Amino acid sequence: MVGKTPGTYTSIKRDVQNRFAYMFFAPPASVAGWSYCRPVITVDATFLKLKYRGVLFAVVSKDTNNQIFPLCFGVADSENNEAYIWFFGEMRKAIQIRRELVFLSDRNQSIANGIRKVFPEAHHGICLYHFEKNLKQRHAKATVINLFQSAARSYKHEDFNQLMSQLKSIDKKTYNYIMEEPPKRWARSWFPRRRYDMLTTNIVESMNSVLLKGREMPILRMLDFVQEKLREWFYERRKKVK
């Protein structure tokens, strides 16, 4: 395949008419370095600006130096259950499972379904930025949003309960909406695993911003662009540690 480098984990799924359907790839440096990263993975998808549209999947983590660490990428027609289940299946083959693994994403149900199906051992958390955005779209008052932010970021159950009680007294409807999602998915004090202070998916959003130019290219050229960018990053990092 064009752009494939030795050791790169690459997989393509075709439809019944042998046309391109899904694409997955994980650079060898990412696969090798994953075991030295924090076991927290952020997932996001962004639209491609091509004639036939589609989406680019991006998965990143953080290394022990608190730097963004790209793991794997994929291309699909849209964000749907089948695409995510296939993508996560290929990802599991490439990077394997880690103890105490955590996924972070927005509230996309297809992401949740894919993680539940392919990584049942992992815990799936919700990005606080996107949750707050949902509240703003529902026209929640600023006071309510501030209470939610404080409750979600609090370290103690007692503080969480007190803040959420205040929120409930101001806006019970929004309180009920928030609590539809179990606090263990979004509240720091109730989160069952370490998330290393990663409360949002900002790191994967940053990756999408860097790859903005590539999203305007044909798929194979875009994948070349992504891999060239990753090779530059890994090369620069390797120089710094010598």
C-alpha atoms as a PDB file:
ATOM      1  CA  MET A   1       0.000   0.000   0.000  1.00  0.00           C
ATOM      2  CA  VAL A   2       1.153   3.564  -0.678  1.00  0.00           C
ATOM      3  CA  GLY A   3       2.755   5.157   2.350  1.00  0.00           C
ATOM      4  CA  LYS A   4       3.172   1.965   4.350  1.00  0.00           C
ATOM      5  CA  THR A   5       6.406   1.789   6.305  1.00  0.00           C
ATOM      6  CA  PRO A   6       8.055  -1.421   7.547  1.00  0.00           C
ATOM      7  CA  GLY A   7       6.427  -2.637  10.740  1.00  0.00           C
ATOM      8  CA  THR A   8       3.351  -0.429  10.430  1.00  0.00           C
ATOM      9  CA  TYR A   9       0.210  -2.250  11.475  1.00  0.00           C
ATOM     10  CA  THR A  10      -2.171  -1.605   8.588  1.00  0.00           C
ATOM     11  CA  SER A  11      -5.561  -3.102   7.849  1.00  0.00           C
ATOM     12  CA  ILE A  12      -8.234  -2.426   5.220  1.00  0.00           C
ATOM     13  CA  LYS A  13     -11.777  -3.708   5.100  1.00  0.00           C
ATOM     14  CA  ARG A  14     -13.628  -3.805   1.787  1.00  0.00           C
ATOM     15  CA  ASP A  15     -17.334  -4.137   1.120  1.00  0.00           C
ATOM     16  CA  VAL A  16     -19.057  -6.905  -0.847  1.00  0.00           C
ATOM     17  CA  GLN A  17     -18.191  -5.129  -4.120  1.00  0.00           C
ATOM     18  CA  ASN A  18     -14.503  -5.027  -3.125  1.00  0.00           C
ATOM     19  CA  ARG A  19     -14.593  -1.271  -2.609  1.00  0.00           C
ATOM     20  CA  PHE A  20     -12.746   0.481   0.203  1.00  0.00           C
ATOM     21  CA  ALA A  21     -14.835   0.591   3.386  1.00  0.00           C
ATOM     22  CA  TYR A  22     -12.578   1.066   6.423  1.00  0.00           C
ATOM     23  CA  MET A  23      -8.886   1.722   6.993  1.00  0.00           C
ATOM     24  CA  PHE A  24      -6.723   1.352  10.114  1.00  0.00           C
ATOM     25  CA  PHE A  25      -3.043   1.953  10.742  1.00  0.00           C
ATOM     26  CA  ALA A  26      -0.744   2.189  13.746  1.00  0.00           C
ATOM     27  CA  PRO A  27       2.885   3.344  13.294  1.00  0.00           C
ATOM     28  CA  PRO A  28       5.525   0.925  14.632  1.00  0.00           C
ATOM     29  CA  ALA A  29       6.930   3.575  16.971  1.00  0.00           C
ATOM     30  CA  SER A  30       3.466   4.051  18.462  1.00  0.00           C
ATOM     31  CA  VAL A  31       2.955   0.338  19.000  1.00  0.00           C
ATOM     32  CA  ALA A  32       6.390   0.024  20.613  1.00  0.00           C
ATOM     33  CA  GLY A  33       5.958   3.095  22.807  1.00  0.00           C
ATOM     34  CA  TRP A  34       2.412   2.407  24.006  1.00  0.00           C
ATOM     35  CA  SER A  35       3.584   0.192  26.892  1.00  0.00           C
ATOM     36  CA  TYR A  36       5.457   3.223  28.295  1.00  0.00           C
ATOM     37  CA  CYS A  37       2.440   5.533  28.163  1.00  0.00           C
ATOM     38  CA  ARG A  38      -0.240   6.174  30.708  1.00  0.00           C
ATOM     39  CA  PRO A  39      -3.097   3.685  30.264  1.00  0.00           C
ATOM     40  CA  VAL A  40      -5.539   6.404  29.205  1.00  0.00           C
ATOM     41  CA  ILE A  41      -6.695   6.591  25.590  1.00  0.00           C
ATOM     42  CA  THR A  42      -8.634   9.472  24.048  1.00  0.00           C
ATOM     43  CA  VAL A  43     -10.738   8.857  20.953  1.00  0.00           C
ATOM     44  CA  ASP A  44     -12.243  11.278  18.478  1.00  0.00           C
ATOM     45  CA  ALA A  45     -13.375  11.485  14.873  1.00  0.00           C
ATOM     46  CA  THR A  46     -13.298  14.470  12.549  1.00  0.00           C
ATOM     47  CA  PHE A  47     -14.882  14.999   9.145  1.00  0.00           C
ATOM     48  CA  LEU A  48     -12.820  14.723   5.983  1.00  0.00           C
ATOM     49  CA  LYS A  49     -13.132  17.465   3.406  1.00  0.00           C
ATOM     50  CA  LEU A  50     -13.176  15.145   0.432  1.00  0.00           C
ATOM     51  CA  LYS A  51     -15.612  14.698  -2.428  1.00  0.00           C
ATOM     52  CA  TYR A  52     -16.962  11.532  -0.798  1.00  0.00           C
ATOM     53  CA  ARG A  53     -16.695  12.838   2.770  1.00  0.00           C
ATOM     54  CA  GLY A  54     -16.015  10.250   5.479  1.00  0.00           C
ATOM     55  CA  VAL A  55     -14.312  10.635   8.865  1.00  0.00           C
ATOM     56  CA  LEU A  56     -10.802  10.314  10.253  1.00  0.00           C
ATOM     57  CA  PHE A  57     -10.490   8.410  13.544  1.00  0.00           C
ATOM     58  CA  ALA A  58      -7.663   9.496  15.843  1.00  0.00           C
ATOM     59  CA  VAL A  59      -6.514   7.789  19.034  1.00  0.00           C
ATOM     60  CA  VAL A  60      -3.882   9.344  21.278  1.00  0.00           C
ATOM     61  CA  SER A  61      -2.492   8.959  24.779  1.00  0.00           C
ATOM     62  CA  LYS A  62       0.127  10.702  26.941  1.00  0.00           C
ATOM     63  CA  ASP A  63       3.631   9.488  27.659  1.00  0.00           C
ATOM     64  CA  THR A  64       5.189   9.651  31.113  1.00  0.00           C
ATOM     65  CA  ASN A  65       6.627  13.070  30.244  1.00  0.00           C
ATOM     66  CA  ASN A  66       3.047  14.322  29.856  1.00  0.00           C
ATOM     67  CA  GLN A  67       3.464  14.728  26.081  1.00  0.00           C
ATOM     68  CA  ILE A  68       0.839  13.825  23.492  1.00  0.00           C
ATOM     69  CA  PHE A  69       1.540  10.364  22.104  1.00  0.00           C
ATOM     70  CA  PRO A  70      -0.233   9.323  18.851  1.00  0.00           C
ATOM     71  CA  LEU A  71      -1.357   5.702  18.807  1.00  0.00           C
ATOM     72  CA  CYS A  72      -3.419   4.897  15.739  1.00  0.00           C
ATOM     73  CA  PHE A  73      -5.669   6.290  13.040  1.00  0.00           C
ATOM     74  CA  GLY A  74      -8.441   5.124  10.776  1.00  0.00           C
ATOM     75  CA  VAL A  75     -10.829   6.144   8.035  1.00  0.00           C
ATOM     76  CA  ALA A  76     -14.504   5.240   7.716  1.00  0.00           C
ATOM     77  CA  ASP A  77     -17.619   6.409   5.933  1.00  0.00           C
ATOM     78  CA  SER A  78     -19.167   7.721   9.153  1.00  0.00           C
ATOM     79  CA  GLU A  79     -19.286   7.301  12.925  1.00  0.00           C
ATOM     80  CA  ASN A  80     -21.427   4.205  13.332  1.00  0.00           C
ATOM     81  CA  ASN A  81     -21.436   0.994  15.369  1.00  0.00           C
ATOM     82  CA  GLU A  82     -19.978  -1.221  12.655  1.00  0.00           C
ATOM     83  CA  ALA A  83     -17.127   1.186  11.902  1.00  0.00           C
ATOM     84  CA  TYR A  84     -16.103   1.629  15.531  1.00  0.00           C
ATOM     85  CA  ILE A  85     -16.346  -2.070  16.369  1.00  0.00           C
ATOM     86  CA  TRP A  86     -14.096  -2.890  13.410  1.00  0.00           C
ATOM     87  CA  PHE A  87     -11.693  -0.050  14.209  1.00  0.00           C
ATOM     88  CA  PHE A  88     -11.386  -0.951  17.892  1.00  0.00           C
ATOM     89  CA  GLY A  89     -10.947  -4.608  16.936  1.00  0.00           C
ATOM     90  CA  GLU A  90      -7.953  -3.736  14.779  1.00  0.00           C
ATOM     91  CA  MET A  91      -6.639  -1.425  17.491  1.00  0.00           C
ATOM     92  CA  ARG A  92      -6.775  -4.212  20.059  1.00  0.00           C
ATOM     93  CA  LYS A  93      -4.773  -6.471  17.746  1.00  0.00           C
ATOM     94  CA  ALA A  94      -2.163  -3.764  17.285  1.00  0.00           C
ATOM     95  CA  ILE A  95      -1.628  -2.372  20.787  1.00  0.00           C
ATOM     96  CA  GLN A  96      -3.103  -5.129  22.973  1.00  0.00           C
ATOM     97  CA  ILE A  97      -4.867  -4.610  26.292  1.00  0.00           C
ATOM     98  CA  ARG A  98      -3.406  -2.822  29.325  1.00  0.00           C
ATOM     99  CA  ARG A  99      -4.312  -3.176  32.989  1.00  0.00           C
ATOM    100  CA  GLU A 100      -6.590  -0.440  34.357  1.00  0.00           C
ATOM    101  CA  LEU A 101      -7.202   0.842  30.817  1.00  0.00           C
ATOM    102  CA  VAL A 102      -9.350   3.967  30.478  1.00  0.00           C
ATOM    103  CA  PHE A 103     -10.979   5.424  27.374  1.00  0.00           C
ATOM    104  CA  LEU A 104     -12.090   9.048  27.132  1.00  0.00           C
ATOM    105  CA  SER A 105     -14.397  10.369  24.432  1.00  0.00           C
ATOM    106  CA  ASP A 106     -17.414  12.549  23.825  1.00  0.00           C
ATOM    107  CA  ARG A 107     -20.889  11.069  24.334  1.00  0.00           C
ATOM    108  CA  ASN A 108     -21.095   9.467  20.880  1.00  0.00           C
ATOM    109  CA  GLN A 109     -23.063   6.253  21.419  1.00  0.00           C
ATOM    110  CA  SER A 110     -21.246   4.359  18.668  1.00  0.00           C
ATOM    111  CA  ILE A 111     -17.930   4.933  20.454  1.00  0.00           C
ATOM    112  CA  ALA A 112     -19.460   3.625  23.671  1.00  0.00           C
ATOM    113  CA  ASN A 113     -20.868   0.570  21.886  1.00  0.00           C
ATOM    114  CA  GLY A 114     -17.530  -0.179  20.234  1.00  0.00           C
ATOM    115  CA  ILE A 115     -15.575   0.061  23.494  1.00  0.00           C
ATOM    116  CA  ARG A 116     -18.117  -2.091  25.328  1.00  0.00           C
ATOM    117  CA  LYS A 117     -17.926  -4.738  22.612  1.00  0.00           C
ATOM    118  CA  VAL A 118     -14.162  -4.846  21.993  1.00  0.00           C
ATOM    119  CA  PHE A 119     -12.632  -3.615  25.263  1.00  0.00           C
ATOM    120  CA  PRO A 120     -15.007  -4.899  27.974  1.00  0.00           C
ATOM    121  CA  GLU A 121     -12.164  -4.738  30.535  1.00  0.00           C
ATOM    122  CA  ALA A 122     -11.712  -0.991  30.036  1.00  0.00           C
ATOM    123  CA  HIS A 123     -13.548   1.837  31.758  1.00  0.00           C
ATOM    124  CA  HIS A 124     -15.112   4.443  29.463  1.00  0.00           C
ATOM    125  CA  GLY A 125     -15.137   8.035  30.709  1.00  0.00           C
ATOM    126  CA  ILE A 126     -16.792  11.125  29.257  1.00  0.00           C
ATOM    127  CA  CYS A 127     -14.963  14.295  28.248  1.00  0.00           C
ATOM    128  CA  LEU A 128     -16.038  17.097  30.574  1.00  0.00           C
ATOM    129  CA  TYR A 129     -15.670  19.725  27.863  1.00  0.00           C
ATOM    130  CA  HIS A 130     -18.232  17.981  25.666  1.00  0.00           C
ATOM    131  CA  PHE A 131     -20.549  17.356  28.621  1.00  0.00           C
ATOM    132  CA  GLU A 132     -20.418  21.058  29.498  1.00  0.00           C
ATOM    133  CA  LYS A 133     -21.097  21.878  25.856  1.00  0.00           C
ATOM    134  CA  ASN A 134     -24.226  19.699  25.985  1.00  0.00           C
ATOM    135  CA  LEU A 135     -25.439  21.680  28.999  1.00  0.00           C
ATOM    136  CA  LYS A 136     -24.886  24.979  27.206  1.00  0.00           C
ATOM    137  CA  GLN A 137     -26.833  23.685  24.203  1.00  0.00           C
ATOM    138  CA  ARG A 138     -29.697  22.959  26.598  1.00  0.00           C
ATOM    139  CA  HIS A 139     -29.460  26.597  27.757  1.00  0.00           C
ATOM    140  CA  ALA A 140     -28.468  25.728  31.322  1.00  0.00           C
ATOM    141  CA  LYS A 141     -27.805  28.739  33.517  1.00  0.00           C
ATOM    142  CA  ALA A 142     -24.222  29.841  34.115  1.00  0.00           C
ATOM    143  CA  THR A 143     -24.622  29.107  37.827  1.00  0.00           C
ATOM    144  CA  VAL A 144     -25.686  25.543  37.064  1.00  0.00           C
ATOM    145  CA  ILE A 145     -22.776  24.984  34.694  1.00  0.00           C
ATOM    146  CA  ASN A 146     -20.325  26.352  37.269  1.00  0.00           C
ATOM    147  CA  LEU A 147     -21.706  23.993  39.919  1.00  0.00           C
ATOM    148  CA  PHE A 148     -21.418  21.074  37.507  1.00  0.00           C
ATOM    149  CA  GLN A 149     -17.826  21.986  36.700  1.00  0.00           C
ATOM    150  CA  SER A 150     -16.913  22.198  40.381  1.00  0.00           C
ATOM    151  CA  ALA A 151     -18.684  18.939  41.222  1.00  0.00           C
ATOM    152  CA  ALA A 152     -17.095  17.068  38.325  1.00  0.00           C
ATOM    153  CA  ARG A 153     -13.619  18.241  39.290  1.00  0.00           C
ATOM    154  CA  SER A 154     -13.939  17.769  43.053  1.00  0.00           C
ATOM    155  CA  TYR A 155     -11.785  15.137  44.758  1.00  0.00           C
ATOM    156  CA  LYS A 156     -14.130  14.091  47.581  1.00  0.00           C
ATOM    157  CA  HIS A 157     -17.533  12.429  47.502  1.00  0.00           C
ATOM    158  CA  GLU A 158     -18.762  14.825  50.172  1.00  0.00           C
ATOM    159  CA  ASP A 159     -17.903  17.871  48.078  1.00  0.00           C
ATOM    160  CA  PHE A 160     -19.451  16.302  44.997  1.00  0.00           C
ATOM    161  CA  ASN A 161     -22.705  15.509  46.812  1.00  0.00           C
ATOM    162  CA  GLN A 162     -22.940  18.990  48.300  1.00  0.00           C
ATOM    163  CA  LEU A 163     -22.387  20.736  44.964  1.00  0.00           C
ATOM    164  CA  MET A 164     -24.815  18.493  43.099  1.00  0.00           C
ATOM    165  CA  SER A 165     -27.402  19.073  45.820  1.00  0.00           C
ATOM    166  CA  GLN A 166     -27.087  22.813  45.234  1.00  0.00           C
ATOM    167  CA  LEU A 167     -27.408  22.286  41.491  1.00  0.00           C
ATOM    168  CA  LYS A 168     -30.548  20.172  42.006  1.00  0.00           C
ATOM    169  CA  SER A 169     -32.171  22.874  44.123  1.00  0.00           C
ATOM    170  CA  ILE A 170     -31.617  25.425  41.337  1.00  0.00           C
ATOM    171  CA  ASP A 171     -32.490  23.323  38.280  1.00  0.00           C
ATOM    172  CA  LYS A 172     -33.872  19.843  38.898  1.00  0.00           C
ATOM    173  CA  LYS A 173     -34.478  19.201  35.195  1.00  0.00           C
ATOM    174  CA  THR A 174     -30.812  19.768  34.339  1.00  0.00           C
ATOM    175  CA  TYR A 175     -29.792  17.755  37.402  1.00  0.00           C
ATOM    176  CA  ASN A 176     -31.830  14.781  36.159  1.00  0.00           C
ATOM    177  CA  TYR A 177     -30.299  15.143  32.708  1.00  0.00           C
ATOM    178  CA  ILE A 178     -26.769  15.125  34.141  1.00  0.00           C
ATOM    179  CA  MET A 179     -27.419  12.129  36.365  1.00  0.00           C
ATOM    180  CA  GLU A 180     -28.595  10.066  33.406  1.00  0.00           C
ATOM    181  CA  GLU A 181     -24.874   9.496  33.010  1.00  0.00           C
ATOM    182  CA  PRO A 182     -23.442   7.640  36.028  1.00  0.00           C
ATOM    183  CA  PRO A 183     -20.982   9.893  37.916  1.00  0.00           C
ATOM    184  CA  LYS A 184     -18.339   7.178  37.615  1.00  0.00           C
ATOM    185  CA  ARG A 185     -18.114   8.137  33.949  1.00  0.00           C
ATOM    186  CA  TRP A 186     -17.489  11.848  34.402  1.00  0.00           C
ATOM    187  CA  ALA A 187     -16.880  12.856  38.034  1.00  0.00           C
ATOM    188  CA  ARG A 188     -13.290  12.786  39.282  1.00  0.00           C
ATOM    189  CA  SER A 189     -14.271  11.699  42.798  1.00  0.00           C
ATOM    190  CA  TRP A 190     -16.318   8.743  41.549  1.00  0.00           C
ATOM    191  CA  PHE A 191     -14.052   7.640  38.710  1.00  0.00           C
ATOM    192  CA  PRO A 192     -12.988   4.040  39.526  1.00  0.00           C
ATOM    193  CA  ARG A 193      -9.566   4.208  37.852  1.00  0.00           C
ATOM    194  CA  ARG A 194      -6.704   6.644  37.546  1.00  0.00           C
ATOM    195  CA  ARG A 195      -7.164   9.105  34.718  1.00  0.00           C
ATOM    196  CA  TYR A 196      -3.970  11.080  35.403  1.00  0.00           C
ATOM    197  CA  ASP A 197      -5.866  14.362  35.547  1.00  0.00           C
ATOM    198  CA  MET A 198      -7.034  13.876  31.947  1.00  0.00           C
ATOM    199  CA  LEU A 199     -10.571  15.200  32.205  1.00  0.00           C
ATOM    200  CA  THR A 200     -11.127  16.126  28.570  1.00  0.00           C
ATOM    201  CA  THR A 201     -10.226  14.913  25.086  1.00  0.00           C
ATOM    202  CA  ASN A 202      -8.267  18.088  24.357  1.00  0.00           C
ATOM    203  CA  ILE A 203      -5.157  16.148  23.380  1.00  0.00           C
ATOM    204  CA  VAL A 204      -6.904  14.361  20.538  1.00  0.00           C
ATOM    205  CA  GLU A 205      -8.573  17.621  19.492  1.00  0.00           C
ATOM    206  CA  SER A 206      -5.052  19.086  19.262  1.00  0.00           C
ATOM    207  CA  MET A 207      -4.021  16.185  17.049  1.00  0.00           C
ATOM    208  CA  ASN A 208      -6.975  16.833  14.750  1.00  0.00           C
ATOM    209  CA  SER A 209      -5.941  20.482  14.456  1.00  0.00           C
ATOM    210  CA  VAL A 210      -2.416  19.529  13.420  1.00  0.00           C
ATOM    211  CA  LEU A 211      -3.793  17.196  10.750  1.00  0.00           C
ATOM    212  CA  LEU A 212      -6.261  19.764   9.391  1.00  0.00           C
ATOM    213  CA  LYS A 213      -4.365  20.198   6.110  1.00  0.00           C
ATOM    214  CA  GLY A 214      -4.296  16.454   5.494  1.00  0.00           C
ATOM    215  CA  ARG A 215      -8.062  16.160   5.812  1.00  0.00           C
ATOM    216  CA  GLU A 216      -8.422  18.049   2.524  1.00  0.00           C
ATOM    217  CA  MET A 217      -6.329  15.476   0.614  1.00  0.00           C
ATOM    218  CA  PRO A 218      -7.323  12.221  -1.112  1.00  0.00           C
ATOM    219  CA  ILE A 219      -7.268   9.329   1.372  1.00  0.00           C
ATOM    220  CA  LEU A 220      -3.931   7.769   0.390  1.00  0.00           C
ATOM    221  CA  ARG A 221      -2.208  11.146   0.228  1.00  0.00           C
ATOM    222  CA  MET A 222      -3.734  12.042   3.583  1.00  0.00           C
ATOM    223  CA  LEU A 223      -2.363   8.870   5.155  1.00  0.00           C
ATOM    224  CA  ASP A 224       1.067   9.695   3.729  1.00  0.00           C
ATOM    225  CA  PHE A 225       0.741  13.166   5.243  1.00  0.00           C
ATOM    226  CA  VAL A 226      -0.161  11.731   8.668  1.00  0.00           C
ATOM    227  CA  GLN A 227       2.728   9.270   8.640  1.00  0.00           C
ATOM    228  CA  GLU A 228       5.203  11.914   7.491  1.00  0.00           C
ATOM    229  CA  LYS A 229       4.093  14.157  10.342  1.00  0.00           C
ATOM    230  CA  LEU A 230       4.461  11.337  12.866  1.00  0.00           C
ATOM    231  CA  ARG A 231       7.912  10.407  11.591  1.00  0.00           C
ATOM    232  CA  GLU A 232       8.996  14.024  12.055  1.00  0.00           C
ATOM    233  CA  TRP A 233       7.738  14.052  15.662  1.00  0.00           C
ATOM    234  CA  PHE A 234       9.330  10.757  16.614  1.00  0.00           C
ATOM    235  CA  TYR A 235      12.611  11.767  14.973  1.00  0.00           C
ATOM    236  CA  GLU A 236      12.697  15.085  16.857  1.00  0.00           C
ATOM    237  CA  ARG A 237      11.957  13.374  20.154  1.00  0.00           C
ATOM    238  CA  ARG A 238      14.614  10.765  19.537  1.00  0.00           C
ATOM    239  CA  LYS A 239      17.192  13.510  18.908  1.00  0.00           C
ATOM    240  CA  LYS A 240      16.305  15.246  22.168  1.00  0.00           C
ATOM    241  CA  VAL A 241      16.935  12.169  24.334  1.00  0.00           C
ATOM    242  CA  LYS A 242      20.318  11.350  22.801  1.00  0.00           C
END
